[in-house]
Every structure is written in structure tokens, then in C-alpha cells.
Protein backbone atom coordinates (compact mmCIF):
# COMPACT_ATOMS: atom_id res chain seq x y z
CA MET A 1 24.35 10.39 7.10
CA LYS A 2 21.89 12.71 8.83
CA LEU A 3 18.52 11.01 9.38
CA LEU A 4 15.20 12.42 10.51
CA LEU A 5 12.77 9.87 11.94
CA ASP A 6 9.12 10.00 10.94
CA THR A 7 6.90 9.83 14.04
CA HIS A 8 5.82 6.23 13.54
CA ILE A 9 9.43 5.16 12.94
CA LEU A 10 10.42 6.80 16.25
CA LEU A 11 7.63 5.04 18.14
CA TRP A 12 8.41 1.68 16.52
CA TRP A 13 12.11 2.08 17.44
CA LEU A 14 11.41 3.00 21.04
CA ASN A 15 8.97 0.08 21.41
CA ASP A 16 11.17 -2.39 19.52
CA ASP A 17 8.12 -2.99 17.34
CA GLU A 18 8.31 -5.77 14.76
CA LYS A 19 6.80 -3.34 12.20
CA LEU A 20 10.18 -1.60 12.02
CA SER A 21 12.09 -3.06 9.09
CA GLU A 22 15.57 -4.46 9.44
CA ASN A 23 16.81 -1.78 7.04
CA ALA A 24 15.44 0.95 9.30
CA ARG A 25 16.96 -0.71 12.39
CA GLN A 26 20.37 -0.83 10.75
CA LEU A 27 20.20 2.82 9.69
CA ILE A 28 19.17 3.97 13.17
CA LYS A 29 21.71 1.94 15.11
CA ASN A 30 24.61 2.76 12.77
CA SER A 31 26.84 5.00 14.90
CA ASP A 32 28.06 6.80 11.75
CA ASN A 33 24.57 8.26 11.30
CA ASP A 34 23.25 11.29 13.15
CA ILE A 35 19.64 10.69 14.17
CA TYR A 36 17.21 13.59 14.56
CA VAL A 37 13.71 13.74 16.04
CA SER A 38 11.63 16.76 15.21
CA HIS A 39 9.66 18.72 17.75
CA VAL A 40 6.87 18.31 15.18
CA SER A 41 6.82 14.59 16.02
CA LEU A 42 6.67 15.33 19.74
CA TRP A 43 3.79 17.72 19.09
CA GLU A 44 2.01 15.06 16.99
CA ILE A 45 2.46 12.45 19.73
CA GLN A 46 1.04 14.78 22.39
CA ILE A 47 -1.97 15.68 20.26
CA LYS A 48 -2.68 11.98 19.64
CA VAL A 49 -2.41 11.32 23.38
CA MET A 50 -4.86 14.15 24.10
CA THR A 51 -7.36 12.85 21.54
CA GLY A 52 -7.11 9.26 22.80
CA LYS A 53 -5.50 7.90 19.64
CA LEU A 54 -2.26 7.02 21.42
CA ASN A 55 -1.39 5.94 24.95
CA VAL A 56 2.21 6.89 25.70
CA ASP A 57 4.11 9.06 28.18
CA LEU A 58 5.61 11.96 26.23
CA ALA A 59 8.02 12.81 29.06
CA ALA A 60 9.38 9.25 28.93
CA ILE A 61 9.77 9.49 25.16
CA ILE A 62 11.69 12.75 25.49
CA GLN A 63 13.98 11.12 28.05
CA GLN A 64 14.57 8.20 25.68
CA LEU A 65 15.74 10.59 22.97
CA SER A 66 18.91 11.43 24.87
CA GLU A 67 19.33 7.81 25.98
CA ASN A 68 19.38 6.85 22.27
CA ASN A 69 21.67 9.77 21.36
CA PHE A 70 18.95 11.27 19.18
CA GLN A 71 19.17 14.99 18.53
CA GLN A 72 16.09 17.19 18.78
CA LEU A 73 15.18 19.33 15.78
CA PRO A 74 13.16 22.47 16.52
CA SER A 75 10.98 24.17 13.90
CA HIS A 76 12.24 27.27 12.12
CA THR A 77 10.65 29.79 9.79
CA ASN A 78 12.64 28.44 6.81
CA HIS A 79 10.90 25.08 7.37
CA ILE A 80 7.54 26.81 7.06
CA LEU A 81 8.61 28.58 3.87
CA ILE A 82 9.56 25.23 2.30
CA LEU A 83 6.18 23.85 3.43
CA ALA A 84 4.41 26.45 1.29
CA LYS A 85 6.16 25.11 -1.82
CA LEU A 86 5.34 21.42 -1.35
CA PRO A 87 3.05 19.74 -3.87
CA PRO A 88 -0.09 18.14 -2.39
CA HIS A 89 1.15 14.52 -2.34
CA HIS A 90 0.06 14.14 1.26
CA GLN A 91 -2.51 15.94 3.40
CA ASP A 92 -1.20 15.14 6.90
CA PRO A 93 0.18 18.44 8.27
CA PHE A 94 2.70 16.71 10.54
CA ASP A 95 4.16 14.64 7.70
CA ARG A 96 4.28 17.67 5.43
CA MET A 97 6.19 19.63 8.06
CA LEU A 98 8.65 16.75 8.57
CA VAL A 99 9.25 16.69 4.81
CA SER A 100 9.82 20.45 4.89
CA GLN A 101 12.34 20.11 7.69
CA ALA A 102 14.17 17.28 5.93
CA LEU A 103 14.40 19.23 2.69
CA SER A 104 15.46 22.42 4.45
CA GLU A 105 18.23 21.08 6.70
CA PRO A 106 18.96 18.78 4.61
CA LEU A 107 18.25 15.43 6.25
CA HIS A 108 17.10 12.05 4.98
CA LEU A 109 13.61 11.41 6.33
CA ILE A 110 13.01 7.76 7.21
CA THR A 111 9.37 6.79 6.73
CA HIS A 112 7.09 3.84 6.07
CA ASP A 113 4.57 6.07 4.29
CA LYS A 114 4.75 5.68 0.51
CA PHE A 115 2.94 9.00 -0.02
CA VAL A 116 5.57 10.86 2.01
CA SER A 117 8.33 9.24 -0.04
CA ARG A 118 6.96 10.89 -3.20
CA TYR A 119 8.35 14.28 -2.16
CA SER A 120 12.03 13.63 -2.71
CA GLU A 121 14.59 11.00 -3.60
CA SER A 122 16.30 11.85 -0.31
CA ILE A 123 13.40 10.33 1.63
CA ILE A 124 14.09 6.75 2.65
CA LEU A 125 11.11 4.42 2.42
CA VAL A 126 11.50 1.47 4.78
């Protein structure tokens, strides 16, 4: 299965945070699954660092992506076109873009956000 990690899921995984459900842990560590991290998430992390909402080292996170065998997913124009068609279930622009990428590729987005999960049955709420 191809899985796209929501930003908070990525951070919880990298920090071995107890907030990450056992189901999510099993999905991420299953070697049969391909795990993707969007550049949108990296952008979101950096913006939160710059605004003081988050204290992490983005360069270290990027290094950990390859150490975890996570693949990076860049943004493409087709992702933006899907974004324009999304209903307004959620107002966060980063989450909406992640949903667009997941629907476009297609990938299963793993999230803990119940509002994000309303976009598609392919989104995995953990």
C-alpha cells in the first residue's frame, strides 16, 4: 500500500510520540508499504518553526526521511487542480493540499484529523 503521512503523523513517528496509535505504527513500519512525505509537510514544519509554533530542526527531519526509507513527494500542478475541486470540509491549506496529493497520486493519507478523513474513504483515520 502507498501511504502519505500527515504532518503530525510524521512528527509523532520521528519522535516516537505516544500519541501515535499502534495501528499507525504498524502501517508505517510494515515493509510492504511505501511511505511518502510531502514537501507540503516540510513547508508546513518550516513555517511553524519560523512562527515559533514548533521547535525542530528541519534539516534533521529531512535526513531522517531517508533513514526511515520514506520517499519525498513534490507538489505538481495536477495536485493544485484537484485542490480546486475539494469541498470545504477543512480550512487548513496544508491539510487540503495533502488531501489533494493523496487523491491525485493516489495514496492513502494517514491522519489523526477527523475533518481531513471526511474527504475520502481512502484516507486512514488513526
